[in-house]
Amino acid sequence: MIDLYPRVSPLSAGLRSVCPRCGKGRLYDGYLTVAERCNVCDLDFSQVDSGDGPAVFLIFILGFLVVPVALWVSMTVDWPLWLHAIVWSIVVLALTLGMLRPAKAYVIALQYRYRRSELEKGS
């Protein structure tokens, strides 16, 4: 079978939030709403489902990165507890919202790479 589309890196497609098949079409209609089809190659996205994977990965990654920094700051700076609560809540929320979209796109791109035959049946 001849592949009509260039091989797209899942990491590249995830970071740019583009179609995992052509690497050009938009993956999302809204902030986290996956489009029904690619607007360039017409790949059907109705079969893709990232589930809770991206959120779970982010919980572990951000916990690993933010908690040590928060502990270090709390030992070096004399902030009141309420300020720590506000600052670290905003940091975690901003990092989560910033990383959730590319993380979800990356999981979808990996799903396409390893389950391509199932996902291209509808196209």
PDB file of N, CA and C in Angstrom:
ATOM      1  N   MET A   1       0.835  -1.188   0.000  1.00  0.00           N
ATOM      2  CA  MET A   1       0.000   0.000   0.000  1.00  0.00           C
ATOM      3  C   MET A   1       0.875   1.246   0.000  1.00  0.00           C
ATOM      4  N   ILE A   2       0.588   2.162  -0.875  1.00  0.00           N
ATOM      5  CA  ILE A   2       1.359   3.395  -0.983  1.00  0.00           C
ATOM      6  C   ILE A   2       0.774   4.428  -0.034  1.00  0.00           C
ATOM      7  N   ASP A   3       1.650   5.018   0.765  1.00  0.00           N
ATOM      8  CA  ASP A   3       1.208   6.034   1.711  1.00  0.00           C
ATOM      9  C   ASP A   3       1.200   7.390   1.013  1.00  0.00           C
ATOM     10  N   LEU A   4       0.050   8.022   0.897  1.00  0.00           N
ATOM     11  CA  LEU A   4      -0.085   9.291   0.193  1.00  0.00           C
ATOM     12  C   LEU A   4       0.327  10.488   1.032  1.00  0.00           C
ATOM     13  N   TYR A   5       0.461  10.293   2.325  1.00  0.00           N
ATOM     14  CA  TYR A   5       0.765  11.396   3.219  1.00  0.00           C
ATOM     15  C   TYR A   5       2.146  11.205   3.827  1.00  0.00           C
ATOM     16  N   PRO A   6       2.860  12.306   4.075  1.00  0.00           N
ATOM     17  CA  PRO A   6       4.183  12.177   4.707  1.00  0.00           C
ATOM     18  C   PRO A   6       4.032  11.672   6.138  1.00  0.00           C
ATOM     19  N   ARG A   7       5.051  10.997   6.621  1.00  0.00           N
ATOM     20  CA  ARG A   7       5.025  10.494   7.996  1.00  0.00           C
ATOM     21  C   ARG A   7       5.164  11.688   8.943  1.00  0.00           C
ATOM     22  N   VAL A   8       4.184  11.841   9.804  1.00  0.00           N
ATOM     23  CA  VAL A   8       4.151  12.967  10.740  1.00  0.00           C
ATOM     24  C   VAL A   8       4.531  12.460  12.123  1.00  0.00           C
ATOM     25  N   SER A   9       5.453  13.131  12.755  1.00  0.00           N
ATOM     26  CA  SER A   9       5.854  12.763  14.112  1.00  0.00           C
ATOM     27  C   SER A   9       4.700  13.016  15.075  1.00  0.00           C
ATOM     28  N   PRO A  10       4.362  12.039  15.937  1.00  0.00           N
ATOM     29  CA  PRO A  10       3.299  12.276  16.914  1.00  0.00           C
ATOM     30  C   PRO A  10       3.609  13.449  17.842  1.00  0.00           C
ATOM     31  N   LEU A  11       4.870  13.616  18.205  1.00  0.00           N
ATOM     32  CA  LEU A  11       5.247  14.732  19.072  1.00  0.00           C
ATOM     33  C   LEU A  11       5.033  16.063  18.365  1.00  0.00           C
ATOM     34  N   SER A  12       5.434  16.150  17.109  1.00  0.00           N
ATOM     35  CA  SER A  12       5.244  17.370  16.332  1.00  0.00           C
ATOM     36  C   SER A  12       3.755  17.671  16.144  1.00  0.00           C
ATOM     37  N   ALA A  13       2.981  16.652  15.796  1.00  0.00           N
ATOM     38  CA  ALA A  13       1.538  16.842  15.612  1.00  0.00           C
ATOM     39  C   ALA A  13       0.878  17.244  16.927  1.00  0.00           C
ATOM     40  N   GLY A  14       1.331  16.658  18.029  1.00  0.00           N
ATOM     41  CA  GLY A  14       0.766  16.990  19.334  1.00  0.00           C
ATOM     42  C   GLY A  14       1.075  18.407  19.759  1.00  0.00           C
ATOM     43  N   LEU A  15       2.320  18.819  19.609  1.00  0.00           N
ATOM     44  CA  LEU A  15       2.701  20.172  20.024  1.00  0.00           C
ATOM     45  C   LEU A  15       2.020  21.246  19.175  1.00  0.00           C
ATOM     46  N   ARG A  16       1.788  20.940  17.899  1.00  0.00           N
ATOM     47  CA  ARG A  16       1.138  21.913  17.017  1.00  0.00           C
ATOM     48  C   ARG A  16      -0.377  21.735  16.967  1.00  0.00           C
ATOM     49  N   SER A  17      -0.892  20.656  17.589  1.00  0.00           N
ATOM     50  CA  SER A  17      -2.329  20.349  17.602  1.00  0.00           C
ATOM     51  C   SER A  17      -2.901  20.284  16.192  1.00  0.00           C
ATOM     52  N   VAL A  18      -2.253  19.485  15.355  1.00  0.00           N
ATOM     53  CA  VAL A  18      -2.692  19.331  13.969  1.00  0.00           C
ATOM     54  C   VAL A  18      -3.045  17.870  13.703  1.00  0.00           C
ATOM     55  N   CYS A  19      -3.596  17.618  12.543  1.00  0.00           N
ATOM     56  CA  CYS A  19      -3.991  16.271  12.126  1.00  0.00           C
ATOM     57  C   CYS A  19      -2.781  15.337  12.142  1.00  0.00           C
ATOM     58  N   PRO A  20      -2.919  14.155  12.729  1.00  0.00           N
ATOM     59  CA  PRO A  20      -1.786  13.229  12.783  1.00  0.00           C
ATOM     60  C   PRO A  20      -1.471  12.559  11.434  1.00  0.00           C
ATOM     61  N   ARG A  21      -2.388  12.653  10.466  1.00  0.00           N
ATOM     62  CA  ARG A  21      -2.130  12.034   9.164  1.00  0.00           C
ATOM     63  C   ARG A  21      -1.409  12.989   8.215  1.00  0.00           C
ATOM     64  N   CYS A  22      -1.933  14.193   8.030  1.00  0.00           N
ATOM     65  CA  CYS A  22      -1.328  15.116   7.062  1.00  0.00           C
ATOM     66  C   CYS A  22      -0.410  16.143   7.716  1.00  0.00           C
ATOM     67  N   GLY A  23      -0.612  16.408   9.018  1.00  0.00           N
ATOM     68  CA  GLY A  23       0.227  17.382   9.709  1.00  0.00           C
ATOM     69  C   GLY A  23      -0.125  18.823   9.395  1.00  0.00           C
ATOM     70  N   LYS A  24      -1.268  19.051   8.731  1.00  0.00           N
ATOM     71  CA  LYS A  24      -1.632  20.414   8.340  1.00  0.00           C
ATOM     72  C   LYS A  24      -2.991  20.865   8.866  1.00  0.00           C
ATOM     73  N   GLY A  25      -3.969  19.973   8.881  1.00  0.00           N
ATOM     74  CA  GLY A  25      -5.320  20.352   9.292  1.00  0.00           C
ATOM     75  C   GLY A  25      -5.439  20.533  10.796  1.00  0.00           C
ATOM     76  N   ARG A  26      -6.422  21.324  11.191  1.00  0.00           N
ATOM     77  CA  ARG A  26      -6.658  21.557  12.620  1.00  0.00           C
ATOM     78  C   ARG A  26      -7.266  20.324  13.270  1.00  0.00           C
ATOM     79  N   LEU A  27      -6.818  20.027  14.482  1.00  0.00           N
ATOM     80  CA  LEU A  27      -7.344  18.885  15.224  1.00  0.00           C
ATOM     81  C   LEU A  27      -8.550  19.281  16.068  1.00  0.00           C
ATOM     82  N   TYR A  28      -8.600  20.533  16.505  1.00  0.00           N
ATOM     83  CA  TYR A  28      -9.644  20.978  17.429  1.00  0.00           C
ATOM     84  C   TYR A  28     -10.575  21.984  16.777  1.00  0.00           C
ATOM     85  N   ASP A  29     -11.853  21.911  17.177  1.00  0.00           N
ATOM     86  CA  ASP A  29     -12.831  22.940  16.825  1.00  0.00           C
ATOM     87  C   ASP A  29     -12.878  24.010  17.905  1.00  0.00           C
ATOM     88  N   GLY A  30     -12.787  23.601  19.159  1.00  0.00           N
ATOM     89  CA  GLY A  30     -12.769  24.521  20.284  1.00  0.00           C
ATOM     90  C   GLY A  30     -11.463  24.358  21.029  1.00  0.00           C
ATOM     91  N   TYR A  31     -11.503  24.632  22.334  1.00  0.00           N
ATOM     92  CA  TYR A  31     -10.270  24.501  23.116  1.00  0.00           C
ATOM     93  C   TYR A  31      -9.858  23.040  23.261  1.00  0.00           C
ATOM     94  N   LEU A  32     -10.795  22.173  23.624  1.00  0.00           N
ATOM     95  CA  LEU A  32     -10.499  20.742  23.744  1.00  0.00           C
ATOM     96  C   LEU A  32     -11.464  19.864  22.959  1.00  0.00           C
ATOM     97  N   THR A  33     -12.312  20.460  22.140  1.00  0.00           N
ATOM     98  CA  THR A  33     -13.279  19.717  21.342  1.00  0.00           C
ATOM     99  C   THR A  33     -12.626  19.273  20.040  1.00  0.00           C
ATOM    100  N   VAL A  34     -12.496  17.969  19.862  1.00  0.00           N
ATOM    101  CA  VAL A  34     -11.878  17.435  18.650  1.00  0.00           C
ATOM    102  C   VAL A  34     -12.828  17.640  17.485  1.00  0.00           C
ATOM    103  N   ALA A  35     -12.284  18.104  16.366  1.00  0.00           N
ATOM    104  CA  ALA A  35     -13.089  18.319  15.160  1.00  0.00           C
ATOM    105  C   ALA A  35     -13.631  16.985  14.655  1.00  0.00           C
ATOM    106  N   GLU A  36     -14.675  17.032  13.854  1.00  0.00           N
ATOM    107  CA  GLU A  36     -15.239  15.796  13.302  1.00  0.00           C
ATOM    108  C   GLU A  36     -14.347  15.219  12.210  1.00  0.00           C
ATOM    109  N   ARG A  37     -13.765  16.095  11.402  1.00  0.00           N
ATOM    110  CA  ARG A  37     -12.890  15.675  10.301  1.00  0.00           C
ATOM    111  C   ARG A  37     -11.766  16.687  10.127  1.00  0.00           C
ATOM    112  N   CYS A  38     -10.673  16.206   9.543  1.00  0.00           N
ATOM    113  CA  CYS A  38      -9.571  17.100   9.197  1.00  0.00           C
ATOM    114  C   CYS A  38     -10.021  17.968   8.031  1.00  0.00           C
ATOM    115  N   ASN A  39      -9.761  19.264   8.092  1.00  0.00           N
ATOM    116  CA  ASN A  39     -10.182  20.164   7.025  1.00  0.00           C
ATOM    117  C   ASN A  39      -9.239  20.118   5.818  1.00  0.00           C
ATOM    118  N   VAL A  40      -8.141  19.349   5.886  1.00  0.00           N
ATOM    119  CA  VAL A  40      -7.212  19.233   4.765  1.00  0.00           C
ATOM    120  C   VAL A  40      -7.312  17.848   4.109  1.00  0.00           C
ATOM    121  N   CYS A  41      -7.115  16.775   4.894  1.00  0.00           N
ATOM    122  CA  CYS A  41      -7.082  15.415   4.318  1.00  0.00           C
ATOM    123  C   CYS A  41      -8.368  14.637   4.543  1.00  0.00           C
ATOM    124  N   ASP A  42      -9.331  15.207   5.236  1.00  0.00           N
ATOM    125  CA  ASP A  42     -10.652  14.611   5.472  1.00  0.00           C
ATOM    126  C   ASP A  42     -10.604  13.341   6.334  1.00  0.00           C
ATOM    127  N   LEU A  43      -9.595  13.210   7.204  1.00  0.00           N
ATOM    128  CA  LEU A  43      -9.531  12.079   8.128  1.00  0.00           C
ATOM    129  C   LEU A  43     -10.653  12.213   9.149  1.00  0.00           C
ATOM    130  N   ASP A  44     -11.385  11.132   9.363  1.00  0.00           N
ATOM    131  CA  ASP A  44     -12.501  11.120  10.306  1.00  0.00           C
ATOM    132  C   ASP A  44     -11.961  10.974  11.732  1.00  0.00           C
ATOM    133  N   PHE A  45     -12.220  11.967  12.581  1.00  0.00           N
ATOM    134  CA  PHE A  45     -11.755  11.947  13.968  1.00  0.00           C
ATOM    135  C   PHE A  45     -12.792  11.367  14.930  1.00  0.00           C
ATOM    136  N   SER A  46     -13.902  10.865  14.409  1.00  0.00           N
ATOM    137  CA  SER A  46     -14.965  10.395  15.303  1.00  0.00           C
ATOM    138  C   SER A  46     -14.543   9.160  16.107  1.00  0.00           C
ATOM    139  N   GLN A  47     -13.559   8.414  15.644  1.00  0.00           N
ATOM    140  CA  GLN A  47     -13.118   7.211  16.342  1.00  0.00           C
ATOM    141  C   GLN A  47     -12.022   7.462  17.376  1.00  0.00           C
ATOM    142  N   VAL A  48     -11.422   8.651  17.365  1.00  0.00           N
ATOM    143  CA  VAL A  48     -10.335   8.918  18.317  1.00  0.00           C
ATOM    144  C   VAL A  48     -10.915   9.249  19.687  1.00  0.00           C
ATOM    145  N   ASP A  49     -10.243   8.768  20.713  1.00  0.00           N
ATOM    146  CA  ASP A  49     -10.665   9.039  22.078  1.00  0.00           C
ATOM    147  C   ASP A  49      -9.438   9.003  22.972  1.00  0.00           C
ATOM    148  N   SER A  50      -9.072  10.148  23.494  1.00  0.00           N
ATOM    149  CA  SER A  50      -7.883  10.194  24.351  1.00  0.00           C
ATOM    150  C   SER A  50      -8.217   9.802  25.787  1.00  0.00           C
ATOM    151  N   GLY A  51      -9.491   9.809  26.139  1.00  0.00           N
ATOM    152  CA  GLY A  51      -9.903   9.427  27.490  1.00  0.00           C
ATOM    153  C   GLY A  51      -9.295  10.353  28.536  1.00  0.00           C
ATOM    154  N   ASP A  52      -8.944   9.776  29.683  1.00  0.00           N
ATOM    155  CA  ASP A  52      -8.358  10.547  30.777  1.00  0.00           C
ATOM    156  C   ASP A  52      -6.838  10.505  30.775  1.00  0.00           C
ATOM    157  N   GLY A  53      -6.248   9.854  29.781  1.00  0.00           N
ATOM    158  CA  GLY A  53      -4.796   9.699  29.728  1.00  0.00           C
ATOM    159  C   GLY A  53      -4.013  10.991  29.858  1.00  0.00           C
ATOM    160  N   PRO A  54      -4.312  12.020  29.040  1.00  0.00           N
ATOM    161  CA  PRO A  54      -3.551  13.257  29.141  1.00  0.00           C
ATOM    162  C   PRO A  54      -3.648  13.920  30.519  1.00  0.00           C
ATOM    163  N   ALA A  55      -4.823  13.897  31.123  1.00  0.00           N
ATOM    164  CA  ALA A  55      -4.988  14.506  32.446  1.00  0.00           C
ATOM    165  C   ALA A  55      -4.184  13.750  33.502  1.00  0.00           C
ATOM    166  N   VAL A  56      -4.189  12.428  33.424  1.00  0.00           N
ATOM    167  CA  VAL A  56      -3.425  11.625  34.391  1.00  0.00           C
ATOM    168  C   VAL A  56      -1.935  11.875  34.225  1.00  0.00           C
ATOM    169  N   PHE A  57      -1.462  11.898  32.974  1.00  0.00           N
ATOM    170  CA  PHE A  57      -0.042  12.184  32.742  1.00  0.00           C
ATOM    171  C   PHE A  57       0.331  13.550  33.312  1.00  0.00           C
ATOM    172  N   LEU A  58      -0.519  14.539  33.098  1.00  0.00           N
ATOM    173  CA  LEU A  58      -0.221  15.885  33.596  1.00  0.00           C
ATOM    174  C   LEU A  58      -0.224  15.941  35.122  1.00  0.00           C
ATOM    175  N   ILE A  59      -1.093  15.190  35.760  1.00  0.00           N
ATOM    176  CA  ILE A  59      -1.103  15.152  37.222  1.00  0.00           C
ATOM    177  C   ILE A  59       0.255  14.681  37.738  1.00  0.00           C
ATOM    178  N   PHE A  60       0.753  13.601  37.154  1.00  0.00           N
ATOM    179  CA  PHE A  60       2.049  13.065  37.596  1.00  0.00           C
ATOM    180  C   PHE A  60       3.200  13.997  37.237  1.00  0.00           C
ATOM    181  N   ILE A  61       3.208  14.518  36.014  1.00  0.00           N
ATOM    182  CA  ILE A  61       4.308  15.386  35.576  1.00  0.00           C
ATOM    183  C   ILE A  61       4.331  16.677  36.381  1.00  0.00           C
ATOM    184  N   LEU A  62       3.187  17.324  36.528  1.00  0.00           N
ATOM    185  CA  LEU A  62       3.150  18.587  37.271  1.00  0.00           C
ATOM    186  C   LEU A  62       3.409  18.373  38.754  1.00  0.00           C
ATOM    187  N   GLY A  63       2.918  17.276  39.298  1.00  0.00           N
ATOM    188  CA  GLY A  63       3.225  16.967  40.699  1.00  0.00           C
ATOM    189  C   GLY A  63       4.717  16.797  40.909  1.00  0.00           C
ATOM    190  N   PHE A  64       5.369  16.108  39.982  1.00  0.00           N
ATOM    191  CA  PHE A  64       6.805  15.881  40.055  1.00  0.00           C
ATOM    192  C   PHE A  64       7.588  17.184  39.917  1.00  0.00           C
ATOM    193  N   LEU A  65       7.088  18.117  39.105  1.00  0.00           N
ATOM    194  CA  LEU A  65       7.810  19.368  38.856  1.00  0.00           C
ATOM    195  C   LEU A  65       7.471  20.480  39.847  1.00  0.00           C
ATOM    196  N   VAL A  66       6.201  20.624  40.185  1.00  0.00           N
ATOM    197  CA  VAL A  66       5.771  21.778  40.979  1.00  0.00           C
ATOM    198  C   VAL A  66       5.979  21.574  42.477  1.00  0.00           C
ATOM    199  N   VAL A  67       5.740  20.391  42.993  1.00  0.00           N
ATOM    200  CA  VAL A  67       5.841  20.170  44.442  1.00  0.00           C
ATOM    201  C   VAL A  67       7.245  20.458  44.981  1.00  0.00           C
ATOM    202  N   PRO A  68       8.316  19.968  44.355  1.00  0.00           N
ATOM    203  CA  PRO A  68       9.646  20.319  44.875  1.00  0.00           C
ATOM    204  C   PRO A  68       9.937  21.820  44.833  1.00  0.00           C
ATOM    205  N   VAL A  69       9.481  22.471  43.774  1.00  0.00           N
ATOM    206  CA  VAL A  69       9.685  23.925  43.683  1.00  0.00           C
ATOM    207  C   VAL A  69       8.899  24.636  44.781  1.00  0.00           C
ATOM    208  N   ALA A  70       7.669  24.212  45.004  1.00  0.00           N
ATOM    209  CA  ALA A  70       6.850  24.819  46.057  1.00  0.00           C
ATOM    210  C   ALA A  70       7.476  24.594  47.434  1.00  0.00           C
ATOM    211  N   LEU A  71       8.002  23.411  47.670  1.00  0.00           N
ATOM    212  CA  LEU A  71       8.672  23.138  48.951  1.00  0.00           C
ATOM    213  C   LEU A  71       9.928  23.988  49.114  1.00  0.00           C
ATOM    214  N   TRP A  72      10.698  24.113  48.044  1.00  0.00           N
ATOM    215  CA  TRP A  72      11.908  24.933  48.094  1.00  0.00           C
ATOM    216  C   TRP A  72      11.561  26.398  48.383  1.00  0.00           C
ATOM    217  N   VAL A  73      10.546  26.904  47.701  1.00  0.00           N
ATOM    218  CA  VAL A  73      10.128  28.300  47.917  1.00  0.00           C
ATOM    219  C   VAL A  73       9.631  28.480  49.345  1.00  0.00           C
ATOM    220  N   SER A  74       8.872  27.532  49.858  1.00  0.00           N
ATOM    221  CA  SER A  74       8.343  27.677  51.218  1.00  0.00           C
ATOM    222  C   SER A  74       9.451  27.653  52.270  1.00  0.00           C
ATOM    223  N   MET A  75      10.580  27.008  51.960  1.00  0.00           N
ATOM    224  CA  MET A  75      11.694  26.980  52.909  1.00  0.00           C
ATOM    225  C   MET A  75      12.612  28.194  52.792  1.00  0.00           C
ATOM    226  N   THR A  76      12.589  28.864  51.643  1.00  0.00           N
ATOM    227  CA  THR A  76      13.492  30.004  51.451  1.00  0.00           C
ATOM    228  C   THR A  76      12.807  31.356  51.594  1.00  0.00           C
ATOM    229  N   VAL A  77      11.510  31.390  51.402  1.00  0.00           N
ATOM    230  CA  VAL A  77      10.766  32.659  51.464  1.00  0.00           C
ATOM    231  C   VAL A  77       9.727  32.540  52.565  1.00  0.00           C
ATOM    232  N   ASP A  78       9.557  33.598  53.323  1.00  0.00           N
ATOM    233  CA  ASP A  78       8.613  33.572  54.434  1.00  0.00           C
ATOM    234  C   ASP A  78       7.259  34.151  54.010  1.00  0.00           C
ATOM    235  N   TRP A  79       6.543  33.394  53.206  1.00  0.00           N
ATOM    236  CA  TRP A  79       5.213  33.803  52.773  1.00  0.00           C
ATOM    237  C   TRP A  79       4.179  33.233  53.729  1.00  0.00           C
ATOM    238  N   PRO A  80       3.059  33.930  53.892  1.00  0.00           N
ATOM    239  CA  PRO A  80       1.960  33.333  54.671  1.00  0.00           C
ATOM    240  C   PRO A  80       1.342  32.176  53.877  1.00  0.00           C
ATOM    241  N   LEU A  81       0.690  31.270  54.594  1.00  0.00           N
ATOM    242  CA  LEU A  81       0.111  30.097  53.939  1.00  0.00           C
ATOM    243  C   LEU A  81      -0.915  30.449  52.874  1.00  0.00           C
ATOM    244  N   TRP A  82      -1.712  31.483  53.109  1.00  0.00           N
ATOM    245  CA  TRP A  82      -2.734  31.850  52.133  1.00  0.00           C
ATOM    246  C   TRP A  82      -2.094  32.286  50.814  1.00  0.00           C
ATOM    247  N   LEU A  83      -0.921  32.922  50.876  1.00  0.00           N
ATOM    248  CA  LEU A  83      -0.241  33.347  49.653  1.00  0.00           C
ATOM    249  C   LEU A  83       0.297  32.128  48.885  1.00  0.00           C
ATOM    250  N   HIS A  84       0.842  31.166  49.612  1.00  0.00           N
ATOM    251  CA  HIS A  84       1.273  29.922  48.967  1.00  0.00           C
ATOM    252  C   HIS A  84       0.099  29.258  48.259  1.00  0.00           C
ATOM    253  N   ALA A  85      -1.037  29.181  48.925  1.00  0.00           N
ATOM    254  CA  ALA A  85      -2.221  28.543  48.337  1.00  0.00           C
ATOM    255  C   ALA A  85      -2.630  29.241  47.040  1.00  0.00           C
ATOM    256  N   ILE A  86      -2.621  30.563  47.044  1.00  0.00           N
ATOM    257  CA  ILE A  86      -3.019  31.312  45.851  1.00  0.00           C
ATOM    258  C   ILE A  86      -1.989  31.138  44.731  1.00  0.00           C
ATOM    259  N   VAL A  87      -0.718  31.344  45.059  1.00  0.00           N
ATOM    260  CA  VAL A  87       0.336  31.286  44.038  1.00  0.00           C
ATOM    261  C   VAL A  87       0.414  29.909  43.395  1.00  0.00           C
ATOM    262  N   TRP A  88       0.463  28.857  44.199  1.00  0.00           N
ATOM    263  CA  TRP A  88       0.641  27.521  43.629  1.00  0.00           C
ATOM    264  C   TRP A  88      -0.624  27.019  42.951  1.00  0.00           C
ATOM    265  N   SER A  89      -1.776  27.475  43.377  1.00  0.00           N
ATOM    266  CA  SER A  89      -3.012  27.122  42.668  1.00  0.00           C
ATOM    267  C   SER A  89      -3.016  27.730  41.269  1.00  0.00           C
ATOM    268  N   ILE A  90      -2.606  28.989  41.184  1.00  0.00           N
ATOM    269  CA  ILE A  90      -2.555  29.655  39.877  1.00  0.00           C
ATOM    270  C   ILE A  90      -1.501  29.013  38.981  1.00  0.00           C
ATOM    271  N   VAL A  91      -0.336  28.680  39.545  1.00  0.00           N
ATOM    272  CA  VAL A  91       0.731  28.041  38.755  1.00  0.00           C
ATOM    273  C   VAL A  91       0.268  26.701  38.209  1.00  0.00           C
ATOM    274  N   VAL A  92      -0.311  25.872  39.057  1.00  0.00           N
ATOM    275  CA  VAL A  92      -0.757  24.544  38.617  1.00  0.00           C
ATOM    276  C   VAL A  92      -1.889  24.662  37.602  1.00  0.00           C
ATOM    277  N   LEU A  93      -2.833  25.561  37.833  1.00  0.00           N
ATOM    278  CA  LEU A  93      -3.946  25.739  36.903  1.00  0.00           C
ATOM    279  C   LEU A  93      -3.445  26.231  35.541  1.00  0.00           C
ATOM    280  N   ALA A  94      -2.540  27.204  35.546  1.00  0.00           N
ATOM    281  CA  ALA A  94      -2.010  27.735  34.286  1.00  0.00           C
ATOM    282  C   ALA A  94      -1.225  26.663  33.523  1.00  0.00           C
ATOM    283  N   LEU A  95      -0.381  25.916  34.224  1.00  0.00           N
ATOM    284  CA  LEU A  95       0.382  24.860  33.566  1.00  0.00           C
ATOM    285  C   LEU A  95      -0.535  23.758  33.028  1.00  0.00           C
ATOM    286  N   THR A  96      -1.555  23.412  33.783  1.00  0.00           N
ATOM    287  CA  THR A  96      -2.485  22.377  33.333  1.00  0.00           C
ATOM    288  C   THR A  96      -3.234  22.822  32.089  1.00  0.00           C
ATOM    289  N   LEU A  97      -3.781  24.024  32.116  1.00  0.00           N
ATOM    290  CA  LEU A  97      -4.522  24.522  30.959  1.00  0.00           C
ATOM    291  C   LEU A  97      -3.619  24.702  29.746  1.00  0.00           C
ATOM    292  N   GLY A  98      -2.379  25.097  29.984  1.00  0.00           N
ATOM    293  CA  GLY A  98      -1.443  25.278  28.883  1.00  0.00           C
ATOM    294  C   GLY A  98      -0.967  23.974  28.276  1.00  0.00           C
ATOM    295  N   MET A  99      -0.869  22.925  29.081  1.00  0.00           N
ATOM    296  CA  MET A  99      -0.318  21.658  28.604  1.00  0.00           C
ATOM    297  C   MET A  99      -1.374  20.628  28.219  1.00  0.00           C
ATOM    298  N   LEU A 100      -2.624  20.823  28.604  1.00  0.00           N
ATOM    299  CA  LEU A 100      -3.653  19.814  28.347  1.00  0.00           C
ATOM    300  C   LEU A 100      -3.958  19.652  26.864  1.00  0.00           C
ATOM    301  N   ARG A 101      -4.044  20.732  26.152  1.00  0.00           N
ATOM    302  CA  ARG A 101      -4.347  20.670  24.716  1.00  0.00           C
ATOM    303  C   ARG A 101      -3.265  19.922  23.931  1.00  0.00           C
ATOM    304  N   PRO A 102      -1.971  20.271  24.070  1.00  0.00           N
ATOM    305  CA  PRO A 102      -0.960  19.488  23.351  1.00  0.00           C
ATOM    306  C   PRO A 102      -0.841  18.047  23.851  1.00  0.00           C
ATOM    307  N   ALA A 103      -1.079  17.811  25.144  1.00  0.00           N
ATOM    308  CA  ALA A 103      -1.013  16.443  25.663  1.00  0.00           C
ATOM    309  C   ALA A 103      -2.119  15.587  25.055  1.00  0.00           C
ATOM    310  N   LYS A 104      -3.311  16.139  24.943  1.00  0.00           N
ATOM    311  CA  LYS A 104      -4.423  15.403  24.331  1.00  0.00           C
ATOM    312  C   LYS A 104      -4.143  15.156  22.851  1.00  0.00           C
ATOM    313  N   ALA A 105      -3.605  16.152  22.158  1.00  0.00           N
ATOM    314  CA  ALA A 105      -3.272  15.989  20.737  1.00  0.00           C
ATOM    315  C   ALA A 105      -2.179  14.934  20.553  1.00  0.00           C
ATOM    316  N   TYR A 106      -1.223  14.879  21.469  1.00  0.00           N
ATOM    317  CA  TYR A 106      -0.153  13.889  21.393  1.00  0.00           C
ATOM    318  C   TYR A 106      -0.702  12.472  21.569  1.00  0.00           C
ATOM    319  N   VAL A 107      -1.610  12.282  22.523  1.00  0.00           N
ATOM    320  CA  VAL A 107      -2.216  10.961  22.728  1.00  0.00           C
ATOM    321  C   VAL A 107      -3.032  10.552  21.501  1.00  0.00           C
ATOM    322  N   ILE A 108      -3.734  11.493  20.893  1.00  0.00           N
ATOM    323  CA  ILE A 108      -4.497  11.199  19.681  1.00  0.00           C
ATOM    324  C   ILE A 108      -3.554  10.842  18.536  1.00  0.00           C
ATOM    325  N   ALA A 109      -2.433  11.556  18.412  1.00  0.00           N
ATOM    326  CA  ALA A 109      -1.457  11.254  17.358  1.00  0.00           C
ATOM    327  C   ALA A 109      -0.833   9.868  17.564  1.00  0.00           C
ATOM    328  N   LEU A 110      -0.556   9.508  18.822  1.00  0.00           N
ATOM    329  CA  LEU A 110      -0.038   8.165  19.103  1.00  0.00           C
ATOM    330  C   LEU A 110      -1.080   7.106  18.773  1.00  0.00           C
ATOM    331  N   GLN A 111      -2.331   7.401  19.094  1.00  0.00           N
ATOM    332  CA  GLN A 111      -3.418   6.472  18.787  1.00  0.00           C
ATOM    333  C   GLN A 111      -3.514   6.278  17.272  1.00  0.00           C
ATOM    334  N   TYR A 112      -3.363   7.358  16.519  1.00  0.00           N
ATOM    335  CA  TYR A 112      -3.409   7.241  15.057  1.00  0.00           C
ATOM    336  C   TYR A 112      -2.225   6.416  14.549  1.00  0.00           C
ATOM    337  N   ARG A 113      -1.051   6.661  15.081  1.00  0.00           N
ATOM    338  CA  ARG A 113       0.129   5.944  14.602  1.00  0.00           C
ATOM    339  C   ARG A 113       0.009   4.436  14.814  1.00  0.00           C
ATOM    340  N   TYR A 114      -0.502   4.033  15.966  1.00  0.00           N
ATOM    341  CA  TYR A 114      -0.526   2.614  16.295  1.00  0.00           C
ATOM    342  C   TYR A 114      -1.851   1.912  15.983  1.00  0.00           C
ATOM    343  N   ARG A 115      -2.873   2.683  15.610  1.00  0.00           N
ATOM    344  CA  ARG A 115      -4.161   2.076  15.243  1.00  0.00           C
ATOM    345  C   ARG A 115      -4.662   2.667  13.933  1.00  0.00           C
ATOM    346  N   ARG A 116      -3.753   2.974  13.035  1.00  0.00           N
ATOM    347  CA  ARG A 116      -4.086   3.668  11.783  1.00  0.00           C
ATOM    348  C   ARG A 116      -5.148   2.939  10.984  1.00  0.00           C
ATOM    349  N   SER A 117      -5.043   1.637  10.836  1.00  0.00           N
ATOM    350  CA  SER A 117      -6.002   0.903   9.997  1.00  0.00           C
ATOM    351  C   SER A 117      -7.425   1.021  10.541  1.00  0.00           C
ATOM    352  N   GLU A 118      -7.569   1.025  11.866  1.00  0.00           N
ATOM    353  CA  GLU A 118      -8.907   1.177  12.459  1.00  0.00           C
ATOM    354  C   GLU A 118      -9.448   2.576  12.273  1.00  0.00           C
ATOM    355  N   LEU A 119      -8.589   3.581  12.380  1.00  0.00           N
ATOM    356  CA  LEU A 119      -9.048   4.967  12.293  1.00  0.00           C
ATOM    357  C   LEU A 119      -9.303   5.414  10.868  1.00  0.00           C
ATOM    358  N   GLU A 120      -8.669   4.806   9.888  1.00  0.00           N
ATOM    359  CA  GLU A 120      -8.855   5.221   8.497  1.00  0.00           C
ATOM    360  C   GLU A 120     -10.012   4.501   7.815  1.00  0.00           C
ATOM    361  N   LYS A 121     -10.670   3.569   8.495  1.00  0.00           N
ATOM    362  CA  LYS A 121     -11.813   2.885   7.902  1.00  0.00           C
ATOM    363  C   LYS A 121     -12.940   3.860   7.587  1.00  0.00           C
ATOM    364  N   GLY A 122     -13.130   4.846   8.470  1.00  0.00           N
ATOM    365  CA  GLY A 122     -14.224   5.790   8.283  1.00  0.00           C
ATOM    366  C   GLY A 122     -13.921   6.877   7.287  1.00  0.00           C
ATOM    367  N   SER A 123     -12.669   7.015   6.839  1.00  0.00           N
ATOM    368  CA  SER A 123     -12.310   8.107   5.919  1.00  0.00           C
ATOM    369  C   SER A 123     -12.543   7.726   4.486  1.00  0.00           C
TER     370      SER A 123
END
